Amino acid sequence: MTSPVISLIDARLSLKGNAGQVDILHGITLDVRPGETVGLVGPSGSGKSSLLMLMGGLEQASGGRVLALGRDLTEMDEDALARFRRGHMGIVFQSFHLIPTMTALENVATPLELAGHRDAFARAKAELEAVGLGARADHYPGQMSGGEQQRVALARASAPRPQILLADEPTGNLDGTNGAAVMRLLFDLRDKHGATLILVTHSDELAARCDRVIRLRDGRIEADTVQSQRSKPEAAE
């Protein structure tokens, strides 16, 4: 049997708030297989984004273990986690997190340079062209629409050819037309690089495109459903 891309074993997350310690996730255990597309759904405050952050090593588990590609993220310090993400993961957020003083090309190329890729700018240009922004490579984020900025963020996430793509409400700040275009691109990039895609969404339509849907409530898995291929609409629709 193929080894999981991501495994969580009794993973828990507690954070300190103004009122003291708050328990966010309670004993999450799950495996994500190579090439799966997994939708994380549930009401606001159910722990969807927190679970995604654990998977990406952006939050450290308060208990249990989180493994990605066989590496135990709970044993890594912040520097090691950053290096691991840079080499193996692409992450897309609801907010675009582009550097405003850098052009689109520089926003995509800089992480590649930091990872030691000698072809950083050539690869960045190719990724911008793949998301339809080849002509906007020299523009700054402030000169772009929200949909264009999110496409730059997609190009940045996919440029390292990651094995894992994580997306947290990637269409949340976009209108319907731009949101649909961004989601088509995200699924296209998944297929292009053969990546495992895990995404947080409130959209039933988007969840229906996933191979598997994990529903959370109050920091626990309420349901874990594998969907039949025939029931899923095509990502290009």
C-alpha atoms as a PDB file:
ATOM      1  CA  MET A   1       0.000   0.000   0.000  1.00  0.00           C
ATOM      2  CA  THR A   2       1.244   3.483  -0.869  1.00  0.00           C
ATOM      3  CA  SER A   3       2.409   5.536   2.107  1.00  0.00           C
ATOM      4  CA  PRO A   4       0.255   8.535   3.033  1.00  0.00           C
ATOM      5  CA  VAL A   5       1.379  11.983   1.952  1.00  0.00           C
ATOM      6  CA  ILE A   6       0.075  13.416   5.219  1.00  0.00           C
ATOM      7  CA  SER A   7      -0.777  11.597   8.445  1.00  0.00           C
ATOM      8  CA  LEU A   8      -2.235  13.030  11.623  1.00  0.00           C
ATOM      9  CA  ILE A   9      -2.222  10.836  14.703  1.00  0.00           C
ATOM     10  CA  ASP A  10      -4.342  12.071  17.623  1.00  0.00           C
ATOM     11  CA  ALA A  11      -3.335  15.624  16.685  1.00  0.00           C
ATOM     12  CA  ARG A  12      -4.519  18.381  18.996  1.00  0.00           C
ATOM     13  CA  LEU A  13      -4.235  22.142  18.894  1.00  0.00           C
ATOM     14  CA  SER A  14      -4.708  24.570  21.775  1.00  0.00           C
ATOM     15  CA  LEU A  15      -4.014  28.294  21.575  1.00  0.00           C
ATOM     16  CA  LYS A  16      -3.800  30.975  24.240  1.00  0.00           C
ATOM     17  CA  GLY A  17      -6.469  33.639  23.985  1.00  0.00           C
ATOM     18  CA  ASN A  18      -7.521  36.603  26.098  1.00  0.00           C
ATOM     19  CA  ALA A  19      -9.723  34.311  28.146  1.00  0.00           C
ATOM     20  CA  GLY A  20      -6.996  31.693  28.569  1.00  0.00           C
ATOM     21  CA  GLN A  21      -6.319  28.434  26.775  1.00  0.00           C
ATOM     22  CA  VAL A  22      -8.688  27.574  23.918  1.00  0.00           C
ATOM     23  CA  ASP A  23      -8.894  24.034  22.556  1.00  0.00           C
ATOM     24  CA  ILE A  24      -9.217  24.236  18.745  1.00  0.00           C
ATOM     25  CA  LEU A  25      -8.691  20.650  17.517  1.00  0.00           C
ATOM     26  CA  HIS A  26      -9.388  17.496  19.510  1.00  0.00           C
ATOM     27  CA  GLY A  27      -7.579  14.263  18.635  1.00  0.00           C
ATOM     28  CA  ILE A  28      -7.630  14.381  14.828  1.00  0.00           C
ATOM     29  CA  THR A  29      -6.480  11.150  13.170  1.00  0.00           C
ATOM     30  CA  LEU A  30      -6.455  10.832   9.371  1.00  0.00           C
ATOM     31  CA  ASP A  31      -4.339   9.867   6.361  1.00  0.00           C
ATOM     32  CA  VAL A  32      -4.197  11.658   3.006  1.00  0.00           C
ATOM     33  CA  ARG A  33      -3.064   9.520   0.069  1.00  0.00           C
ATOM     34  CA  PRO A  34      -0.899  10.658  -2.862  1.00  0.00           C
ATOM     35  CA  GLY A  35      -2.883  12.417  -5.565  1.00  0.00           C
ATOM     36  CA  GLU A  36      -6.048  12.840  -3.479  1.00  0.00           C
ATOM     37  CA  THR A  37      -8.029  16.056  -3.567  1.00  0.00           C
ATOM     38  CA  VAL A  38      -9.494  16.594  -0.117  1.00  0.00           C
ATOM     39  CA  GLY A  39     -12.052  19.239   0.792  1.00  0.00           C
ATOM     40  CA  LEU A  40     -12.210  20.413   4.410  1.00  0.00           C
ATOM     41  CA  VAL A  41     -15.701  21.712   5.158  1.00  0.00           C
ATOM     42  CA  GLY A  42     -17.793  22.692   8.159  1.00  0.00           C
ATOM     43  CA  PRO A  43     -19.284  25.738   9.872  1.00  0.00           C
ATOM     44  CA  SER A  44     -17.208  28.763  10.826  1.00  0.00           C
ATOM     45  CA  GLY A  45     -15.102  28.010  13.872  1.00  0.00           C
ATOM     46  CA  SER A  46     -15.142  24.254  13.283  1.00  0.00           C
ATOM     47  CA  GLY A  47     -11.335  24.093  12.907  1.00  0.00           C
ATOM     48  CA  LYS A  48     -10.958  23.767   9.122  1.00  0.00           C
ATOM     49  CA  SER A  49      -8.242  26.375   8.669  1.00  0.00           C
ATOM     50  CA  SER A  50      -6.493  25.285  11.862  1.00  0.00           C
ATOM     51  CA  LEU A  51      -6.345  21.728  10.544  1.00  0.00           C
ATOM     52  CA  LEU A  52      -4.870  22.971   7.268  1.00  0.00           C
ATOM     53  CA  MET A  53      -2.290  25.001   9.211  1.00  0.00           C
ATOM     54  CA  LEU A  54      -1.269  21.870  11.135  1.00  0.00           C
ATOM     55  CA  MET A  55      -0.836  19.977   7.872  1.00  0.00           C
ATOM     56  CA  GLY A  56       1.394  22.735   6.546  1.00  0.00           C
ATOM     57  CA  GLY A  57       3.451  23.117   9.704  1.00  0.00           C
ATOM     58  CA  LEU A  58       2.199  26.683  10.088  1.00  0.00           C
ATOM     59  CA  GLU A  59       0.837  25.785  13.515  1.00  0.00           C
ATOM     60  CA  GLN A  60       2.551  23.353  15.862  1.00  0.00           C
ATOM     61  CA  ALA A  61       0.380  20.604  17.309  1.00  0.00           C
ATOM     62  CA  SER A  62      -0.149  20.819  21.062  1.00  0.00           C
ATOM     63  CA  GLY A  63      -0.275  17.022  21.168  1.00  0.00           C
ATOM     64  CA  GLY A  64      -0.135  14.007  18.889  1.00  0.00           C
ATOM     65  CA  ARG A  65       1.865  13.853  15.664  1.00  0.00           C
ATOM     66  CA  VAL A  66       1.705  15.374  12.200  1.00  0.00           C
ATOM     67  CA  LEU A  67       3.703  13.691   9.430  1.00  0.00           C
ATOM     68  CA  ALA A  68       4.175  14.952   5.876  1.00  0.00           C
ATOM     69  CA  LEU A  69       6.010  12.870   3.282  1.00  0.00           C
ATOM     70  CA  GLY A  70       7.231  10.678   6.127  1.00  0.00           C
ATOM     71  CA  ARG A  71       8.751  13.584   8.065  1.00  0.00           C
ATOM     72  CA  ASP A  72       7.494  14.394  11.552  1.00  0.00           C
ATOM     73  CA  LEU A  73       6.577  18.085  11.500  1.00  0.00           C
ATOM     74  CA  THR A  74       6.099  18.118  15.265  1.00  0.00           C
ATOM     75  CA  GLU A  75       9.828  17.516  15.749  1.00  0.00           C
ATOM     76  CA  MET A  76      10.978  20.384  13.495  1.00  0.00           C
ATOM     77  CA  ASP A  77      11.837  23.918  14.571  1.00  0.00           C
ATOM     78  CA  GLU A  78      10.602  26.948  12.610  1.00  0.00           C
ATOM     79  CA  ASP A  79      13.634  27.082  10.300  1.00  0.00           C
ATOM     80  CA  ALA A  80      13.365  23.404   9.429  1.00  0.00           C
ATOM     81  CA  LEU A  81       9.624  23.752   8.808  1.00  0.00           C
ATOM     82  CA  ALA A  82      10.203  26.732   6.501  1.00  0.00           C
ATOM     83  CA  ARG A  83      12.782  24.761   4.505  1.00  0.00           C
ATOM     84  CA  PHE A  84      10.458  21.775   4.287  1.00  0.00           C
ATOM     85  CA  ARG A  85       7.542  23.876   3.060  1.00  0.00           C
ATOM     86  CA  ARG A  86       9.753  25.632   0.519  1.00  0.00           C
ATOM     87  CA  GLY A  87      10.838  22.315  -0.947  1.00  0.00           C
ATOM     88  CA  HIS A  88       7.623  20.296  -0.815  1.00  0.00           C
ATOM     89  CA  MET A  89       4.520  22.452  -0.349  1.00  0.00           C
ATOM     90  CA  GLY A  90       2.617  25.180  -2.126  1.00  0.00           C
ATOM     91  CA  ILE A  91       0.204  27.229  -0.022  1.00  0.00           C
ATOM     92  CA  VAL A  92      -2.546  29.578  -1.204  1.00  0.00           C
ATOM     93  CA  PHE A  93      -4.441  31.768   1.252  1.00  0.00           C
ATOM     94  CA  GLN A  94      -7.670  33.737   1.049  1.00  0.00           C
ATOM     95  CA  SER A  95      -5.562  36.885   1.358  1.00  0.00           C
ATOM     96  CA  PHE A  96      -2.988  36.918  -1.388  1.00  0.00           C
ATOM     97  CA  HIS A  97       0.103  37.679   0.742  1.00  0.00           C
ATOM     98  CA  LEU A  98       2.010  39.223  -2.158  1.00  0.00           C
ATOM     99  CA  ILE A  99       4.885  41.593  -1.461  1.00  0.00           C
ATOM    100  CA  PRO A 100       3.601  44.992  -2.681  1.00  0.00           C
ATOM    101  CA  THR A 101       7.039  46.356  -3.594  1.00  0.00           C
ATOM    102  CA  MET A 102       7.802  43.410  -5.886  1.00  0.00           C
ATOM    103  CA  THR A 103       6.476  42.762  -9.377  1.00  0.00           C
ATOM    104  CA  ALA A 104       4.440  39.671 -10.131  1.00  0.00           C
ATOM    105  CA  LEU A 105       7.549  38.042 -11.586  1.00  0.00           C
ATOM    106  CA  GLU A 106       9.612  38.863  -8.503  1.00  0.00           C
ATOM    107  CA  ASN A 107       6.887  37.600  -6.156  1.00  0.00           C
ATOM    108  CA  VAL A 108       6.968  34.222  -7.902  1.00  0.00           C
ATOM    109  CA  ALA A 109      10.730  34.038  -8.457  1.00  0.00           C
ATOM    110  CA  THR A 110      11.968  35.113  -5.014  1.00  0.00           C
ATOM    111  CA  PRO A 111      10.915  31.932  -3.131  1.00  0.00           C
ATOM    112  CA  LEU A 112      12.530  29.890  -5.896  1.00  0.00           C
ATOM    113  CA  GLU A 113      15.761  31.839  -5.506  1.00  0.00           C
ATOM    114  CA  LEU A 114      15.673  31.269  -1.747  1.00  0.00           C
ATOM    115  CA  ALA A 115      15.275  27.544  -2.418  1.00  0.00           C
ATOM    116  CA  GLY A 116      18.392  27.608  -4.622  1.00  0.00           C
ATOM    117  CA  HIS A 117      16.800  27.249  -8.069  1.00  0.00           C
ATOM    118  CA  ARG A 118      19.125  28.731 -10.663  1.00  0.00           C
ATOM    119  CA  ASP A 119      16.296  29.001 -13.191  1.00  0.00           C
ATOM    120  CA  ALA A 120      14.082  30.928 -10.756  1.00  0.00           C
ATOM    121  CA  PHE A 121      13.077  33.742 -13.109  1.00  0.00           C
ATOM    122  CA  ALA A 122      12.597  31.512 -16.141  1.00  0.00           C
ATOM    123  CA  ARG A 123      10.418  29.157 -14.115  1.00  0.00           C
ATOM    124  CA  ALA A 124       8.495  32.084 -12.592  1.00  0.00           C
ATOM    125  CA  LYS A 125       7.791  33.499 -16.042  1.00  0.00           C
ATOM    126  CA  ALA A 126       6.525  30.119 -17.260  1.00  0.00           C
ATOM    127  CA  GLU A 127       4.213  29.783 -14.261  1.00  0.00           C
ATOM    128  CA  LEU A 128       2.786  33.273 -14.799  1.00  0.00           C
ATOM    129  CA  GLU A 129       2.115  32.381 -18.407  1.00  0.00           C
ATOM    130  CA  ALA A 130       0.409  29.176 -17.248  1.00  0.00           C
ATOM    131  CA  VAL A 131      -2.087  31.228 -15.213  1.00  0.00           C
ATOM    132  CA  GLY A 132      -2.620  33.716 -18.039  1.00  0.00           C
ATOM    133  CA  LEU A 133      -0.505  36.541 -16.634  1.00  0.00           C
ATOM    134  CA  GLY A 134       2.553  36.497 -18.870  1.00  0.00           C
ATOM    135  CA  ALA A 135       1.786  40.034 -19.995  1.00  0.00           C
ATOM    136  CA  ARG A 136       1.457  41.244 -16.381  1.00  0.00           C
ATOM    137  CA  ALA A 137       4.804  39.961 -15.131  1.00  0.00           C
ATOM    138  CA  ASP A 138       6.229  43.460 -14.596  1.00  0.00           C
ATOM    139  CA  HIS A 139       3.157  44.814 -12.812  1.00  0.00           C
ATOM    140  CA  TYR A 140       2.958  45.340  -9.061  1.00  0.00           C
ATOM    141  CA  PRO A 141       0.143  43.862  -6.924  1.00  0.00           C
ATOM    142  CA  GLY A 142      -1.428  47.297  -6.505  1.00  0.00           C
ATOM    143  CA  GLN A 143      -1.839  47.489 -10.283  1.00  0.00           C
ATOM    144  CA  MET A 144      -3.763  44.205 -10.426  1.00  0.00           C
ATOM    145  CA  SER A 145      -7.299  43.082  -9.684  1.00  0.00           C
ATOM    146  CA  GLY A 146      -8.021  40.649  -6.863  1.00  0.00           C
ATOM    147  CA  GLY A 147      -8.413  37.805  -9.337  1.00  0.00           C
ATOM    148  CA  GLU A 148      -5.068  38.601 -10.921  1.00  0.00           C
ATOM    149  CA  GLN A 149      -3.350  38.791  -7.541  1.00  0.00           C
ATOM    150  CA  GLN A 150      -4.722  35.390  -6.593  1.00  0.00           C
ATOM    151  CA  ARG A 151      -3.452  33.975  -9.882  1.00  0.00           C
ATOM    152  CA  VAL A 152       0.006  35.329  -9.028  1.00  0.00           C
ATOM    153  CA  ALA A 153      -0.310  33.589  -5.658  1.00  0.00           C
ATOM    154  CA  LEU A 154      -1.233  30.366  -7.473  1.00  0.00           C
ATOM    155  CA  ALA A 155       1.781  30.696  -9.749  1.00  0.00           C
ATOM    156  CA  ARG A 156       4.012  31.233  -6.708  1.00  0.00           C
ATOM    157  CA  ALA A 157       2.567  28.166  -4.975  1.00  0.00           C
ATOM    158  CA  SER A 158       2.970  25.914  -8.011  1.00  0.00           C
ATOM    159  CA  ALA A 159       6.373  27.126  -9.222  1.00  0.00           C
ATOM    160  CA  PRO A 160       8.412  24.792  -6.944  1.00  0.00           C
ATOM    161  CA  ARG A 161       6.422  21.815  -8.372  1.00  0.00           C
ATOM    162  CA  PRO A 162       5.223  20.891  -4.876  1.00  0.00           C
ATOM    163  CA  GLN A 163       4.039  17.451  -3.904  1.00  0.00           C
ATOM    164  CA  ILE A 164       1.406  19.013  -1.655  1.00  0.00           C
ATOM    165  CA  LEU A 165      -0.871  21.967  -2.449  1.00  0.00           C
ATOM    166  CA  LEU A 166      -2.764  23.556   0.443  1.00  0.00           C
ATOM    167  CA  ALA A 167      -5.460  26.156  -0.185  1.00  0.00           C
ATOM    168  CA  ASP A 168      -7.387  28.065   2.491  1.00  0.00           C
ATOM    169  CA  GLU A 169     -10.590  29.546   1.007  1.00  0.00           C
ATOM    170  CA  PRO A 170      -8.684  30.570  -2.149  1.00  0.00           C
ATOM    171  CA  THR A 171     -11.794  32.150  -3.699  1.00  0.00           C
ATOM    172  CA  GLY A 172     -13.080  33.811  -0.519  1.00  0.00           C
ATOM    173  CA  ASN A 173     -12.123  37.354  -1.567  1.00  0.00           C
ATOM    174  CA  LEU A 174     -13.164  36.998  -5.210  1.00  0.00           C
ATOM    175  CA  ASP A 175     -16.394  37.444  -7.124  1.00  0.00           C
ATOM    176  CA  GLY A 176     -18.064  34.437  -8.728  1.00  0.00           C
ATOM    177  CA  THR A 177     -16.413  34.765 -12.128  1.00  0.00           C
ATOM    178  CA  ASN A 178     -12.884  35.237 -10.792  1.00  0.00           C
ATOM    179  CA  GLY A 179     -13.449  32.581  -8.145  1.00  0.00           C
ATOM    180  CA  ALA A 180     -14.451  30.020 -10.763  1.00  0.00           C
ATOM    181  CA  ALA A 181     -11.425  30.902 -12.906  1.00  0.00           C
ATOM    182  CA  VAL A 182      -9.044  30.565  -9.960  1.00  0.00           C
ATOM    183  CA  MET A 183     -10.483  27.188  -9.007  1.00  0.00           C
ATOM    184  CA  ARG A 184     -10.115  25.887 -12.562  1.00  0.00           C
ATOM    185  CA  LEU A 185      -6.491  26.969 -12.469  1.00  0.00           C
ATOM    186  CA  LEU A 186      -5.921  25.348  -9.079  1.00  0.00           C
ATOM    187  CA  PHE A 187      -7.244  21.998 -10.300  1.00  0.00           C
ATOM    188  CA  ASP A 188      -5.250  22.377 -13.523  1.00  0.00           C
ATOM    189  CA  LEU A 189      -2.059  22.985 -11.530  1.00  0.00           C
ATOM    190  CA  ARG A 190      -2.826  19.949  -9.377  1.00  0.00           C
ATOM    191  CA  ASP A 191      -3.096  17.827 -12.513  1.00  0.00           C
ATOM    192  CA  LYS A 192      -0.041  19.396 -14.137  1.00  0.00           C
ATOM    193  CA  HIS A 193       2.255  18.642 -11.199  1.00  0.00           C
ATOM    194  CA  GLY A 194       0.519  15.501  -9.916  1.00  0.00           C
ATOM    195  CA  ALA A 195       0.136  17.128  -6.531  1.00  0.00           C
ATOM    196  CA  THR A 196      -2.040  16.183  -3.592  1.00  0.00           C
ATOM    197  CA  LEU A 197      -4.522  19.032  -3.044  1.00  0.00           C
ATOM    198  CA  ILE A 198      -6.133  19.860   0.290  1.00  0.00           C
ATOM    199  CA  LEU A 199      -8.458  22.828   0.430  1.00  0.00           C
ATOM    200  CA  VAL A 200     -10.698  24.587   2.910  1.00  0.00           C
ATOM    201  CA  THR A 201     -13.984  25.734   1.429  1.00  0.00           C
ATOM    202  CA  HIS A 202     -17.493  26.861   2.294  1.00  0.00           C
ATOM    203  CA  SER A 203     -18.605  26.109  -1.271  1.00  0.00           C
ATOM    204  CA  ASP A 204     -20.696  22.978  -1.787  1.00  0.00           C
ATOM    205  CA  GLU A 205     -19.937  23.181  -5.512  1.00  0.00           C
ATOM    206  CA  LEU A 206     -16.215  23.199  -4.901  1.00  0.00           C
ATOM    207  CA  ALA A 207     -16.413  20.423  -2.315  1.00  0.00           C
ATOM    208  CA  ALA A 208     -18.265  18.320  -4.905  1.00  0.00           C
ATOM    209  CA  ARG A 209     -15.182  18.424  -7.123  1.00  0.00           C
ATOM    210  CA  CYS A 210     -13.020  16.782  -4.462  1.00  0.00           C
ATOM    211  CA  ASP A 211     -12.263  13.065  -4.241  1.00  0.00           C
ATOM    212  CA  ARG A 212     -12.959  13.160  -0.537  1.00  0.00           C
ATOM    213  CA  VAL A 213     -14.719  15.530   1.849  1.00  0.00           C
ATOM    214  CA  ILE A 214     -13.857  15.787   5.542  1.00  0.00           C
ATOM    215  CA  ARG A 215     -16.481  17.629   7.573  1.00  0.00           C
ATOM    216  CA  LEU A 216     -15.439  19.167  10.875  1.00  0.00           C
ATOM    217  CA  ARG A 217     -17.524  20.380  13.781  1.00  0.00           C
ATOM    218  CA  ASP A 218     -16.236  21.769  17.069  1.00  0.00           C
ATOM    219  CA  GLY A 219     -12.676  20.692  16.305  1.00  0.00           C
ATOM    220  CA  ARG A 220     -13.517  17.076  15.553  1.00  0.00           C
ATOM    221  CA  ILE A 221     -14.087  15.082  12.372  1.00  0.00           C
ATOM    222  CA  GLU A 222     -17.836  14.671  11.987  1.00  0.00           C
ATOM    223  CA  ALA A 223     -17.740  12.828   8.641  1.00  0.00           C
ATOM    224  CA  ASP A 224     -15.121  11.592   6.172  1.00  0.00           C
ATOM    225  CA  THR A 225     -16.672  10.794   2.804  1.00  0.00           C
ATOM    226  CA  VAL A 226     -15.045   9.393  -0.337  1.00  0.00           C
ATOM    227  CA  GLN A 227     -17.013  10.622  -3.338  1.00  0.00           C
ATOM    228  CA  SER A 228     -17.610   8.596  -6.500  1.00  0.00           C
ATOM    229  CA  GLN A 229     -15.843   9.905  -9.567  1.00  0.00           C
ATOM    230  CA  ARG A 230     -19.086   9.882 -11.561  1.00  0.00           C
ATOM    231  CA  SER A 231     -20.831  12.199  -9.097  1.00  0.00           C
ATOM    232  CA  LYS A 232     -18.206  14.928  -9.389  1.00  0.00           C
ATOM    233  CA  PRO A 233     -18.621  17.752 -11.890  1.00  0.00           C
ATOM    234  CA  GLU A 234     -15.629  18.528 -14.054  1.00  0.00           C
ATOM    235  CA  ALA A 235     -13.287  21.196 -12.714  1.00  0.00           C
ATOM    236  CA  ALA A 236     -13.482  23.051 -16.007  1.00  0.00           C
ATOM    237  CA  GLU A 237     -17.207  23.643 -15.693  1.00  0.00           C
END
